Amino acid sequence: MTGRAPLPSWQDDLHATLAACWGLLARGVADRRSGFHHPVISSIGLDGAPRSRVMILRGVDIAALSLRVHTDLRSEKIAEWRANPRMSVLGYDAGQKLQIRLAGRASLHHDDAVADAAWQASRAMSRVCYGTRPVPGSEIASGDAFALPSPDDAEGLEAGRAHFSAVVMRIESLESLYLAFEGHRRALFAWDAGGALTARWLAP
């Protein structure tokens, strides 16, 4: 007995691997314990250097080849994506021994139906973040020299809507890396502008 977890049924099947990745990403939206609930999101800074941060995965739409995160309209990320919409996402779930990397382009939604629906679905504890004063990223005199509305302040929370933005990434590629003692498995899936899929194995 080795004590090792059994290998997943999808490890040697490209299309089953992709289906497993989609399932784990979708689970990451709701499951806070999932490693895919809080992936690393990257943009290209206005100075051309990469910028990365952890964000919460808020939505996955497999049919539309997209995922969604939320941010403050006043943040540097918004200016970066306005200048260059390229976006990457990196998630790793230690329990699943699986890394997923996604690349695509961001579209920004502030004053439209996408943003309205995302805001309405957000809980008070999430809406608090968009009422930050001063602007996120501002230099402050001490670590606690900022203000947030109370989760019980309905009017204050609603005022944060003016700063709320949904960011939707149109996925152009997905790369998976499954780590196993018996042999790693790495695969790359890419979609063209019309949504046609190309899938292939890569050396780990």
N, C-alpha and C. Protein backbone atom coordinates (compact mmCIF):
# COMPACT_ATOMS: atom_id res chain seq x y z
N MET A 1 0.84 -1.20 0.00
CA MET A 1 0.00 0.00 0.00
C MET A 1 0.88 1.26 0.00
N THR A 2 0.65 2.13 -0.96
CA THR A 2 1.45 3.35 -1.04
C THR A 2 0.83 4.50 -0.26
N GLY A 3 -0.47 4.45 -0.04
CA GLY A 3 -1.15 5.55 0.65
C GLY A 3 -1.45 6.72 -0.26
N ARG A 4 -1.10 6.59 -1.53
CA ARG A 4 -1.34 7.70 -2.45
C ARG A 4 -2.78 7.68 -2.93
N ALA A 5 -3.29 8.88 -3.22
CA ALA A 5 -4.65 9.00 -3.74
C ALA A 5 -4.71 8.39 -5.14
N PRO A 6 -5.84 7.78 -5.49
CA PRO A 6 -5.95 7.21 -6.83
C PRO A 6 -5.85 8.29 -7.90
N LEU A 7 -5.31 7.92 -9.05
CA LEU A 7 -5.19 8.87 -10.15
C LEU A 7 -6.58 9.22 -10.67
N PRO A 8 -6.78 10.45 -11.12
CA PRO A 8 -8.10 10.84 -11.64
C PRO A 8 -8.41 10.11 -12.94
N SER A 9 -9.67 9.87 -13.19
CA SER A 9 -10.09 9.14 -14.38
C SER A 9 -9.78 9.91 -15.66
N TRP A 10 -9.60 11.22 -15.54
CA TRP A 10 -9.42 12.05 -16.73
C TRP A 10 -7.96 12.27 -17.12
N GLN A 11 -7.02 11.73 -16.40
CA GLN A 11 -5.63 12.14 -16.58
C GLN A 11 -5.07 11.86 -17.97
N ASP A 12 -5.56 10.85 -18.67
CA ASP A 12 -5.03 10.54 -19.99
C ASP A 12 -6.03 10.78 -21.11
N ASP A 13 -7.01 11.63 -20.85
CA ASP A 13 -8.05 11.95 -21.83
C ASP A 13 -8.12 13.47 -21.93
N LEU A 14 -7.74 14.01 -23.08
CA LEU A 14 -7.71 15.46 -23.23
C LEU A 14 -9.05 16.11 -22.95
N HIS A 15 -10.09 15.61 -23.57
CA HIS A 15 -11.40 16.27 -23.43
C HIS A 15 -11.98 16.09 -22.03
N ALA A 16 -11.69 14.96 -21.40
CA ALA A 16 -12.11 14.77 -20.02
C ALA A 16 -11.32 15.68 -19.09
N THR A 17 -10.05 15.93 -19.41
CA THR A 17 -9.24 16.86 -18.63
C THR A 17 -9.84 18.25 -18.69
N LEU A 18 -10.23 18.69 -19.88
CA LEU A 18 -10.84 20.01 -20.02
C LEU A 18 -12.14 20.09 -19.24
N ALA A 19 -12.95 19.06 -19.32
CA ALA A 19 -14.22 19.04 -18.57
C ALA A 19 -13.96 19.13 -17.07
N ALA A 20 -12.93 18.43 -16.60
CA ALA A 20 -12.59 18.48 -15.18
C ALA A 20 -12.15 19.87 -14.78
N CYS A 21 -11.37 20.52 -15.63
CA CYS A 21 -10.93 21.88 -15.33
C CYS A 21 -12.11 22.84 -15.25
N TRP A 22 -13.02 22.75 -16.20
CA TRP A 22 -14.21 23.60 -16.16
C TRP A 22 -15.00 23.37 -14.88
N GLY A 23 -15.15 22.09 -14.51
CA GLY A 23 -15.91 21.79 -13.30
C GLY A 23 -15.27 22.36 -12.05
N LEU A 24 -13.95 22.27 -11.96
CA LEU A 24 -13.25 22.79 -10.80
C LEU A 24 -13.28 24.31 -10.75
N LEU A 25 -13.20 24.96 -11.90
CA LEU A 25 -13.31 26.42 -11.93
C LEU A 25 -14.70 26.86 -11.51
N ALA A 26 -15.73 26.18 -12.02
CA ALA A 26 -17.10 26.52 -11.64
C ALA A 26 -17.32 26.31 -10.15
N ARG A 27 -16.77 25.24 -9.61
CA ARG A 27 -16.87 25.00 -8.17
C ARG A 27 -16.17 26.10 -7.38
N GLY A 28 -15.07 26.60 -7.93
CA GLY A 28 -14.31 27.64 -7.24
C GLY A 28 -15.08 28.93 -7.03
N VAL A 29 -16.12 29.17 -7.82
CA VAL A 29 -16.92 30.38 -7.65
C VAL A 29 -17.62 30.37 -6.29
N ALA A 30 -18.16 29.22 -5.90
CA ALA A 30 -18.97 29.15 -4.68
C ALA A 30 -18.24 28.56 -3.48
N ASP A 31 -17.23 27.74 -3.72
CA ASP A 31 -16.56 27.01 -2.65
C ASP A 31 -15.33 27.78 -2.18
N ARG A 32 -15.41 28.40 -1.02
CA ARG A 32 -14.29 29.20 -0.50
C ARG A 32 -13.06 28.36 -0.18
N ARG A 33 -13.26 27.05 0.00
CA ARG A 33 -12.13 26.18 0.32
C ARG A 33 -11.39 25.72 -0.93
N SER A 34 -11.97 25.96 -2.09
CA SER A 34 -11.32 25.57 -3.34
C SER A 34 -10.13 26.47 -3.62
N GLY A 35 -9.06 25.88 -4.13
CA GLY A 35 -7.91 26.69 -4.51
C GLY A 35 -8.21 27.62 -5.67
N PHE A 36 -9.28 27.36 -6.40
CA PHE A 36 -9.64 28.21 -7.53
C PHE A 36 -10.61 29.32 -7.15
N HIS A 37 -10.93 29.44 -5.86
CA HIS A 37 -11.81 30.51 -5.41
C HIS A 37 -11.08 31.85 -5.42
N HIS A 38 -9.76 31.82 -5.23
CA HIS A 38 -8.98 33.06 -5.14
C HIS A 38 -7.72 32.94 -5.99
N PRO A 39 -7.89 32.97 -7.32
CA PRO A 39 -6.73 32.87 -8.21
C PRO A 39 -5.91 34.15 -8.25
N VAL A 40 -4.73 34.05 -8.84
CA VAL A 40 -3.89 35.21 -9.10
C VAL A 40 -4.28 35.77 -10.46
N ILE A 41 -4.62 37.05 -10.50
CA ILE A 41 -5.04 37.72 -11.73
C ILE A 41 -3.95 38.71 -12.13
N SER A 42 -3.55 38.67 -13.40
CA SER A 42 -2.47 39.54 -13.85
C SER A 42 -2.91 40.43 -15.01
N SER A 43 -2.32 41.61 -15.00
CA SER A 43 -2.53 42.60 -16.07
C SER A 43 -1.16 43.12 -16.46
N ILE A 44 -1.13 43.98 -17.46
CA ILE A 44 0.11 44.62 -17.87
C ILE A 44 0.05 46.07 -17.39
N GLY A 45 1.01 46.46 -16.55
CA GLY A 45 1.02 47.80 -15.99
C GLY A 45 1.21 48.87 -17.04
N LEU A 46 0.88 50.07 -16.69
CA LEU A 46 1.04 51.18 -17.62
C LEU A 46 2.50 51.43 -17.98
N ASP A 47 3.42 50.89 -17.17
CA ASP A 47 4.85 51.00 -17.46
C ASP A 47 5.36 49.80 -18.23
N GLY A 48 4.46 48.87 -18.60
CA GLY A 48 4.85 47.69 -19.36
C GLY A 48 5.24 46.50 -18.52
N ALA A 49 5.31 46.66 -17.20
CA ALA A 49 5.68 45.56 -16.31
C ALA A 49 4.44 44.77 -15.90
N PRO A 50 4.58 43.47 -15.60
CA PRO A 50 3.43 42.68 -15.18
C PRO A 50 2.95 43.11 -13.80
N ARG A 51 1.66 43.00 -13.58
CA ARG A 51 1.05 43.31 -12.29
C ARG A 51 0.14 42.14 -11.91
N SER A 52 0.32 41.61 -10.70
CA SER A 52 -0.47 40.45 -10.27
C SER A 52 -1.06 40.72 -8.90
N ARG A 53 -2.23 40.12 -8.68
CA ARG A 53 -2.88 40.22 -7.38
C ARG A 53 -3.88 39.08 -7.24
N VAL A 54 -4.20 38.73 -6.00
CA VAL A 54 -5.21 37.70 -5.75
C VAL A 54 -6.59 38.35 -5.80
N MET A 55 -7.50 37.72 -6.52
CA MET A 55 -8.88 38.21 -6.58
C MET A 55 -9.83 37.03 -6.38
N ILE A 56 -11.08 37.33 -6.10
CA ILE A 56 -12.08 36.29 -5.91
C ILE A 56 -12.77 36.00 -7.23
N LEU A 57 -12.84 34.71 -7.57
CA LEU A 57 -13.53 34.30 -8.79
C LEU A 57 -15.03 34.40 -8.54
N ARG A 58 -15.72 35.22 -9.34
CA ARG A 58 -17.14 35.47 -9.11
C ARG A 58 -18.07 34.77 -10.09
N GLY A 59 -17.56 34.38 -11.24
CA GLY A 59 -18.44 33.73 -12.20
C GLY A 59 -17.64 33.01 -13.28
N VAL A 60 -18.18 31.89 -13.76
CA VAL A 60 -17.61 31.14 -14.87
C VAL A 60 -18.75 30.79 -15.81
N ASP A 61 -18.59 31.11 -17.08
CA ASP A 61 -19.59 30.79 -18.10
C ASP A 61 -18.89 29.94 -19.16
N ILE A 62 -19.08 28.63 -19.09
CA ILE A 62 -18.38 27.72 -19.98
C ILE A 62 -18.82 27.94 -21.43
N ALA A 63 -20.11 28.11 -21.65
CA ALA A 63 -20.61 28.29 -23.02
C ALA A 63 -20.03 29.55 -23.66
N ALA A 64 -19.85 30.60 -22.87
CA ALA A 64 -19.33 31.86 -23.38
C ALA A 64 -17.81 31.94 -23.32
N LEU A 65 -17.16 30.89 -22.79
CA LEU A 65 -15.71 30.89 -22.61
C LEU A 65 -15.26 32.13 -21.84
N SER A 66 -15.88 32.33 -20.68
CA SER A 66 -15.55 33.54 -19.93
C SER A 66 -15.56 33.27 -18.43
N LEU A 67 -14.88 34.15 -17.72
CA LEU A 67 -14.96 34.18 -16.27
C LEU A 67 -15.09 35.62 -15.83
N ARG A 68 -15.50 35.82 -14.57
CA ARG A 68 -15.78 37.17 -14.09
C ARG A 68 -15.19 37.38 -12.71
N VAL A 69 -14.60 38.56 -12.52
CA VAL A 69 -14.13 39.03 -11.23
C VAL A 69 -14.68 40.44 -11.03
N HIS A 70 -14.57 40.96 -9.83
CA HIS A 70 -15.06 42.31 -9.52
C HIS A 70 -13.92 43.16 -8.98
N THR A 71 -13.98 44.45 -9.24
CA THR A 71 -12.97 45.35 -8.70
C THR A 71 -13.52 46.76 -8.58
N ASP A 72 -12.75 47.62 -7.96
CA ASP A 72 -13.11 49.03 -7.80
C ASP A 72 -12.75 49.78 -9.08
N LEU A 73 -13.68 50.54 -9.59
CA LEU A 73 -13.47 51.29 -10.83
C LEU A 73 -12.31 52.26 -10.71
N ARG A 74 -11.97 52.66 -9.50
CA ARG A 74 -10.90 53.62 -9.27
C ARG A 74 -9.52 52.97 -9.17
N SER A 75 -9.46 51.65 -9.22
CA SER A 75 -8.19 50.95 -9.01
C SER A 75 -7.29 51.02 -10.23
N GLU A 76 -6.00 50.77 -10.02
CA GLU A 76 -5.03 50.78 -11.10
C GLU A 76 -5.33 49.71 -12.15
N LYS A 77 -5.94 48.61 -11.71
CA LYS A 77 -6.23 47.52 -12.64
C LYS A 77 -7.11 47.99 -13.79
N ILE A 78 -8.06 48.84 -13.47
CA ILE A 78 -8.99 49.32 -14.50
C ILE A 78 -8.23 50.13 -15.55
N ALA A 79 -7.37 51.02 -15.11
CA ALA A 79 -6.58 51.82 -16.06
C ALA A 79 -5.69 50.92 -16.91
N GLU A 80 -5.16 49.87 -16.29
CA GLU A 80 -4.28 48.95 -17.02
C GLU A 80 -5.06 48.20 -18.10
N TRP A 81 -6.24 47.70 -17.75
CA TRP A 81 -7.03 46.94 -18.73
C TRP A 81 -7.63 47.85 -19.80
N ARG A 82 -7.87 49.09 -19.47
CA ARG A 82 -8.32 50.03 -20.50
C ARG A 82 -7.21 50.26 -21.53
N ALA A 83 -5.97 50.30 -21.06
CA ALA A 83 -4.84 50.53 -21.95
C ALA A 83 -4.46 49.27 -22.71
N ASN A 84 -4.59 48.13 -22.06
CA ASN A 84 -4.22 46.85 -22.68
C ASN A 84 -5.10 45.77 -22.06
N PRO A 85 -6.04 45.20 -22.81
CA PRO A 85 -7.00 44.27 -22.23
C PRO A 85 -6.47 42.88 -21.95
N ARG A 86 -5.21 42.61 -22.27
CA ARG A 86 -4.69 41.26 -22.02
C ARG A 86 -4.71 40.95 -20.52
N MET A 87 -5.06 39.70 -20.22
CA MET A 87 -5.32 39.31 -18.84
C MET A 87 -4.95 37.84 -18.68
N SER A 88 -4.38 37.48 -17.54
CA SER A 88 -4.11 36.08 -17.27
C SER A 88 -4.59 35.72 -15.87
N VAL A 89 -4.89 34.44 -15.70
CA VAL A 89 -5.41 33.93 -14.43
C VAL A 89 -4.64 32.67 -14.08
N LEU A 90 -4.22 32.56 -12.83
CA LEU A 90 -3.49 31.39 -12.36
C LEU A 90 -4.13 30.88 -11.07
N GLY A 91 -4.51 29.62 -11.09
CA GLY A 91 -5.07 29.01 -9.89
C GLY A 91 -4.41 27.67 -9.62
N TYR A 92 -4.30 27.31 -8.35
CA TYR A 92 -3.74 26.01 -7.98
C TYR A 92 -4.52 25.45 -6.81
N ASP A 93 -4.95 24.22 -6.94
CA ASP A 93 -5.66 23.53 -5.86
C ASP A 93 -4.77 22.39 -5.38
N ALA A 94 -4.23 22.53 -4.16
CA ALA A 94 -3.30 21.53 -3.64
C ALA A 94 -3.98 20.17 -3.46
N GLY A 95 -5.25 20.18 -3.05
CA GLY A 95 -5.96 18.92 -2.87
C GLY A 95 -6.13 18.15 -4.17
N GLN A 96 -6.37 18.90 -5.24
CA GLN A 96 -6.54 18.28 -6.55
C GLN A 96 -5.21 18.08 -7.28
N LYS A 97 -4.15 18.67 -6.75
CA LYS A 97 -2.81 18.64 -7.37
C LYS A 97 -2.87 19.17 -8.81
N LEU A 98 -3.65 20.20 -8.98
CA LEU A 98 -3.89 20.71 -10.33
C LEU A 98 -3.67 22.22 -10.40
N GLN A 99 -2.88 22.64 -11.37
CA GLN A 99 -2.70 24.05 -11.69
C GLN A 99 -3.44 24.35 -12.99
N ILE A 100 -4.14 25.49 -13.01
CA ILE A 100 -4.83 25.93 -14.22
C ILE A 100 -4.37 27.35 -14.53
N ARG A 101 -3.91 27.56 -15.76
CA ARG A 101 -3.54 28.89 -16.24
C ARG A 101 -4.46 29.26 -17.40
N LEU A 102 -4.99 30.47 -17.35
CA LEU A 102 -5.86 30.95 -18.41
C LEU A 102 -5.33 32.26 -18.96
N ALA A 103 -5.53 32.48 -20.24
CA ALA A 103 -5.14 33.74 -20.87
C ALA A 103 -6.29 34.21 -21.74
N GLY A 104 -6.46 35.53 -21.80
CA GLY A 104 -7.53 36.08 -22.61
C GLY A 104 -7.54 37.58 -22.55
N ARG A 105 -8.70 38.14 -22.81
CA ARG A 105 -8.83 39.60 -22.85
C ARG A 105 -10.00 40.05 -21.98
N ALA A 106 -9.79 41.15 -21.31
CA ALA A 106 -10.77 41.68 -20.36
C ALA A 106 -11.72 42.66 -21.03
N SER A 107 -12.97 42.58 -20.65
CA SER A 107 -13.94 43.64 -20.97
C SER A 107 -14.46 44.18 -19.65
N LEU A 108 -14.61 45.50 -19.58
CA LEU A 108 -14.97 46.17 -18.34
C LEU A 108 -16.45 46.56 -18.36
N HIS A 109 -17.13 46.29 -17.25
CA HIS A 109 -18.57 46.56 -17.17
C HIS A 109 -18.84 47.35 -15.90
N HIS A 110 -19.31 48.57 -16.10
CA HIS A 110 -19.60 49.46 -14.97
C HIS A 110 -21.05 49.91 -14.95
N ASP A 111 -21.48 50.49 -16.03
CA ASP A 111 -22.84 51.05 -16.08
C ASP A 111 -23.66 50.30 -17.13
N ASP A 112 -23.83 48.98 -16.88
CA ASP A 112 -24.59 48.17 -17.83
C ASP A 112 -25.26 47.01 -17.09
N ALA A 113 -25.95 46.16 -17.84
CA ALA A 113 -26.71 45.07 -17.24
C ALA A 113 -25.80 44.04 -16.56
N VAL A 114 -24.61 43.83 -17.12
CA VAL A 114 -23.67 42.88 -16.52
C VAL A 114 -23.28 43.34 -15.12
N ALA A 115 -22.92 44.61 -15.00
CA ALA A 115 -22.53 45.15 -13.70
C ALA A 115 -23.71 45.19 -12.74
N ASP A 116 -24.88 45.57 -13.25
CA ASP A 116 -26.06 45.62 -12.39
C ASP A 116 -26.37 44.26 -11.79
N ALA A 117 -26.33 43.22 -12.61
CA ALA A 117 -26.63 41.87 -12.13
C ALA A 117 -25.59 41.40 -11.13
N ALA A 118 -24.32 41.70 -11.40
CA ALA A 118 -23.25 41.31 -10.49
C ALA A 118 -23.37 42.03 -9.15
N TRP A 119 -23.71 43.31 -9.19
CA TRP A 119 -23.89 44.08 -7.96
C TRP A 119 -25.05 43.55 -7.14
N GLN A 120 -26.16 43.28 -7.79
CA GLN A 120 -27.33 42.78 -7.08
C GLN A 120 -27.07 41.43 -6.43
N ALA A 121 -26.20 40.63 -7.04
CA ALA A 121 -25.89 39.31 -6.50
C ALA A 121 -24.84 39.36 -5.40
N SER A 122 -24.22 40.52 -5.20
CA SER A 122 -23.17 40.66 -4.19
C SER A 122 -23.75 40.84 -2.81
N ARG A 123 -23.10 40.27 -1.82
CA ARG A 123 -23.53 40.42 -0.43
C ARG A 123 -23.00 41.72 0.16
N ALA A 124 -23.59 42.13 1.27
CA ALA A 124 -23.20 43.38 1.92
C ALA A 124 -21.71 43.39 2.26
N MET A 125 -21.18 42.26 2.73
CA MET A 125 -19.78 42.21 3.13
C MET A 125 -18.85 42.43 1.93
N SER A 126 -19.35 42.14 0.71
CA SER A 126 -18.56 42.40 -0.49
C SER A 126 -18.73 43.84 -0.95
N ARG A 127 -19.93 44.37 -0.83
CA ARG A 127 -20.20 45.73 -1.27
C ARG A 127 -19.42 46.77 -0.46
N VAL A 128 -19.08 46.41 0.77
CA VAL A 128 -18.32 47.31 1.63
C VAL A 128 -17.04 47.80 0.94
N CYS A 129 -16.40 46.90 0.20
CA CYS A 129 -15.09 47.21 -0.39
C CYS A 129 -15.13 48.39 -1.35
N TYR A 130 -16.29 48.65 -1.95
CA TYR A 130 -16.37 49.68 -2.99
C TYR A 130 -16.68 51.06 -2.43
N GLY A 131 -16.78 51.13 -1.10
CA GLY A 131 -16.98 52.43 -0.46
C GLY A 131 -15.72 52.94 0.20
N THR A 132 -14.58 52.34 -0.12
CA THR A 132 -13.31 52.74 0.49
C THR A 132 -13.00 54.22 0.23
N ARG A 133 -12.59 54.91 1.29
CA ARG A 133 -12.12 56.29 1.18
C ARG A 133 -10.79 56.40 1.92
N PRO A 134 -9.77 56.95 1.34
CA PRO A 134 -9.68 57.52 0.00
C PRO A 134 -9.61 56.43 -1.08
N VAL A 135 -9.28 56.85 -2.30
CA VAL A 135 -9.22 55.93 -3.43
C VAL A 135 -8.23 54.80 -3.16
N PRO A 136 -8.57 53.55 -3.50
CA PRO A 136 -7.61 52.45 -3.32
C PRO A 136 -6.27 52.75 -3.98
N GLY A 137 -5.19 52.45 -3.25
CA GLY A 137 -3.85 52.72 -3.76
C GLY A 137 -3.30 54.07 -3.37
N SER A 138 -4.14 54.91 -2.73
CA SER A 138 -3.67 56.22 -2.29
C SER A 138 -2.69 56.08 -1.13
N GLU A 139 -1.73 56.95 -1.06
CA GLU A 139 -0.84 56.98 0.09
C GLU A 139 -1.59 57.53 1.29
N ILE A 140 -1.45 56.86 2.44
CA ILE A 140 -2.14 57.31 3.65
C ILE A 140 -1.12 57.42 4.78
N ALA A 141 -1.50 58.19 5.81
CA ALA A 141 -0.56 58.52 6.88
C ALA A 141 -0.24 57.33 7.77
N SER A 142 -1.19 56.41 7.93
CA SER A 142 -0.96 55.23 8.76
C SER A 142 -1.81 54.09 8.19
N GLY A 143 -1.52 52.89 8.64
CA GLY A 143 -2.19 51.72 8.08
C GLY A 143 -3.70 51.73 8.20
N ASP A 144 -4.20 52.42 9.24
CA ASP A 144 -5.65 52.42 9.47
C ASP A 144 -6.32 53.73 9.04
N ALA A 145 -5.61 54.55 8.28
CA ALA A 145 -6.14 55.86 7.91
C ALA A 145 -7.01 55.78 6.65
N PHE A 146 -8.02 54.94 6.70
CA PHE A 146 -9.00 54.84 5.62
C PHE A 146 -10.34 54.49 6.24
N ALA A 147 -11.39 54.65 5.47
CA ALA A 147 -12.73 54.40 6.00
C ALA A 147 -13.51 53.50 5.05
N LEU A 148 -14.36 52.67 5.64
CA LEU A 148 -15.27 51.81 4.90
C LEU A 148 -16.66 51.98 5.48
N PRO A 149 -17.70 51.86 4.66
CA PRO A 149 -19.05 51.92 5.22
C PRO A 149 -19.33 50.67 6.05
N SER A 150 -20.26 50.76 6.94
CA SER A 150 -20.67 49.60 7.74
C SER A 150 -21.55 48.69 6.89
N PRO A 151 -21.43 47.36 7.06
CA PRO A 151 -22.31 46.44 6.34
C PRO A 151 -23.79 46.68 6.64
N ASP A 152 -24.07 47.38 7.76
CA ASP A 152 -25.45 47.67 8.14
C ASP A 152 -25.94 49.01 7.59
N ASP A 153 -25.06 49.74 6.93
CA ASP A 153 -25.40 51.06 6.38
C ASP A 153 -25.84 50.88 4.92
N ALA A 154 -27.12 50.67 4.71
CA ALA A 154 -27.63 50.38 3.37
C ALA A 154 -27.34 51.52 2.40
N GLU A 155 -27.51 52.74 2.85
CA GLU A 155 -27.27 53.89 1.98
C GLU A 155 -25.79 54.01 1.63
N GLY A 156 -24.92 53.79 2.62
CA GLY A 156 -23.49 53.87 2.38
C GLY A 156 -23.02 52.77 1.43
N LEU A 157 -23.58 51.58 1.59
CA LEU A 157 -23.22 50.47 0.71
C LEU A 157 -23.66 50.75 -0.72
N GLU A 158 -24.86 51.28 -0.87
CA GLU A 158 -25.38 51.54 -2.21
C GLU A 158 -24.56 52.62 -2.92
N ALA A 159 -23.99 53.52 -2.15
CA ALA A 159 -23.15 54.56 -2.75
C ALA A 159 -21.91 53.95 -3.41
N GLY A 160 -21.50 52.77 -2.94
CA GLY A 160 -20.35 52.10 -3.52
C GLY A 160 -20.59 51.59 -4.92
N ARG A 161 -21.86 51.54 -5.32
CA ARG A 161 -22.18 51.07 -6.68
C ARG A 161 -21.49 51.92 -7.74
N ALA A 162 -21.28 53.19 -7.45
CA ALA A 162 -20.64 54.09 -8.41
C ALA A 162 -19.19 53.70 -8.68
N HIS A 163 -18.61 52.90 -7.78
CA HIS A 163 -17.20 52.52 -7.92
C HIS A 163 -17.04 51.05 -8.30
N PHE A 164 -18.14 50.38 -8.53
CA PHE A 164 -18.12 48.93 -8.77
C PHE A 164 -17.96 48.61 -10.25
N SER A 165 -17.09 47.67 -10.55
CA SER A 165 -16.91 47.23 -11.94
C SER A 165 -16.79 45.71 -11.98
N ALA A 166 -17.50 45.10 -12.90
CA ALA A 166 -17.31 43.68 -13.20
C ALA A 166 -16.32 43.59 -14.36
N VAL A 167 -15.39 42.66 -14.25
CA VAL A 167 -14.40 42.44 -15.29
C VAL A 167 -14.64 41.03 -15.84
N VAL A 168 -14.95 40.96 -17.12
CA VAL A 168 -15.22 39.67 -17.76
C VAL A 168 -14.05 39.33 -18.68
N MET A 169 -13.48 38.17 -18.46
CA MET A 169 -12.37 37.72 -19.29
C MET A 169 -12.89 36.74 -20.34
N ARG A 170 -12.64 37.05 -21.60
CA ARG A 170 -12.95 36.11 -22.68
C ARG A 170 -11.73 35.19 -22.81
N ILE A 171 -11.91 33.92 -22.48
CA ILE A 171 -10.80 32.99 -22.41
C ILE A 171 -10.35 32.56 -23.80
N GLU A 172 -9.06 32.73 -24.06
CA GLU A 172 -8.47 32.33 -25.34
C GLU A 172 -7.68 31.03 -25.21
N SER A 173 -7.16 30.75 -24.02
CA SER A 173 -6.44 29.50 -23.81
C SER A 173 -6.53 29.07 -22.35
N LEU A 174 -6.43 27.77 -22.14
CA LEU A 174 -6.44 27.18 -20.79
C LEU A 174 -5.36 26.11 -20.79
N GLU A 175 -4.46 26.20 -19.84
CA GLU A 175 -3.41 25.20 -19.70
C GLU A 175 -3.52 24.54 -18.34
N SER A 176 -3.52 23.22 -18.33
CA SER A 176 -3.63 22.48 -17.07
C SER A 176 -2.34 21.72 -16.81
N LEU A 177 -1.99 21.60 -15.54
CA LEU A 177 -0.83 20.81 -15.12
C LEU A 177 -1.24 20.00 -13.90
N TYR A 178 -1.34 18.69 -14.10
CA TYR A 178 -1.67 17.78 -13.00
C TYR A 178 -0.38 17.15 -12.50
N LEU A 179 -0.15 17.21 -11.20
CA LEU A 179 1.07 16.71 -10.60
C LEU A 179 0.84 15.35 -9.98
N ALA A 180 1.61 14.35 -10.42
CA ALA A 180 1.45 13.00 -9.90
C ALA A 180 2.80 12.31 -9.83
N PHE A 181 3.01 11.53 -8.78
CA PHE A 181 4.26 10.77 -8.62
C PHE A 181 4.48 9.85 -9.81
N GLU A 182 3.37 9.30 -10.31
CA GLU A 182 3.46 8.35 -11.42
C GLU A 182 3.75 9.02 -12.77
N GLY A 183 3.62 10.32 -12.81
CA GLY A 183 3.86 11.05 -14.05
C GLY A 183 2.92 12.23 -14.19
N HIS A 184 3.47 13.42 -14.33
CA HIS A 184 2.65 14.62 -14.48
C HIS A 184 1.92 14.59 -15.83
N ARG A 185 0.87 15.38 -15.93
CA ARG A 185 0.14 15.54 -17.18
C ARG A 185 -0.08 17.03 -17.42
N ARG A 186 0.32 17.49 -18.58
CA ARG A 186 0.16 18.90 -18.94
C ARG A 186 -0.55 18.99 -20.28
N ALA A 187 -1.55 19.84 -20.35
CA ALA A 187 -2.33 19.97 -21.58
C ALA A 187 -2.63 21.43 -21.87
N LEU A 188 -2.77 21.73 -23.15
CA LEU A 188 -3.08 23.09 -23.58
C LEU A 188 -4.32 23.07 -24.47
N PHE A 189 -5.27 23.94 -24.14
CA PHE A 189 -6.50 24.08 -24.91
C PHE A 189 -6.59 25.53 -25.37
N ALA A 190 -6.86 25.73 -26.65
CA ALA A 190 -6.92 27.09 -27.19
C ALA A 190 -8.14 27.21 -28.10
N TRP A 191 -8.76 28.39 -28.07
CA TRP A 191 -9.95 28.66 -28.88
C TRP A 191 -9.65 29.81 -29.83
N ASP A 192 -10.04 29.67 -31.08
CA ASP A 192 -9.86 30.77 -32.02
C ASP A 192 -11.02 31.76 -31.87
N ALA A 193 -11.03 32.80 -32.68
CA ALA A 193 -12.04 33.85 -32.56
C ALA A 193 -13.45 33.32 -32.75
N GLY A 194 -13.60 32.23 -33.49
CA GLY A 194 -14.91 31.65 -33.71
C GLY A 194 -15.30 30.61 -32.68
N GLY A 195 -14.42 30.34 -31.72
CA GLY A 195 -14.71 29.39 -30.66
C GLY A 195 -14.27 27.97 -30.95
N ALA A 196 -13.59 27.74 -32.09
CA ALA A 196 -13.10 26.39 -32.40
C ALA A 196 -11.96 26.02 -31.48
N LEU A 197 -12.00 24.79 -30.98
CA LEU A 197 -11.04 24.33 -29.97
C LEU A 197 -9.90 23.52 -30.60
N THR A 198 -8.67 23.80 -30.12
CA THR A 198 -7.51 22.98 -30.42
C THR A 198 -7.00 22.48 -29.09
N ALA A 199 -6.76 21.16 -28.99
CA ALA A 199 -6.29 20.57 -27.72
C ALA A 199 -5.07 19.71 -28.00
N ARG A 200 -4.06 19.81 -27.11
CA ARG A 200 -2.88 18.99 -27.29
C ARG A 200 -2.17 18.81 -25.94
N TRP A 201 -1.42 17.70 -25.88
CA TRP A 201 -0.59 17.44 -24.71
C TRP A 201 0.73 18.20 -24.83
N LEU A 202 1.27 18.58 -23.68
CA LEU A 202 2.59 19.22 -23.62
C LEU A 202 3.47 18.42 -22.65
N ALA A 203 4.78 18.44 -22.88
CA ALA A 203 5.68 17.85 -21.91
C ALA A 203 5.62 18.66 -20.62
N PRO A 204 5.51 18.00 -19.48
CA PRO A 204 5.42 18.74 -18.20
C PRO A 204 6.67 19.58 -17.95
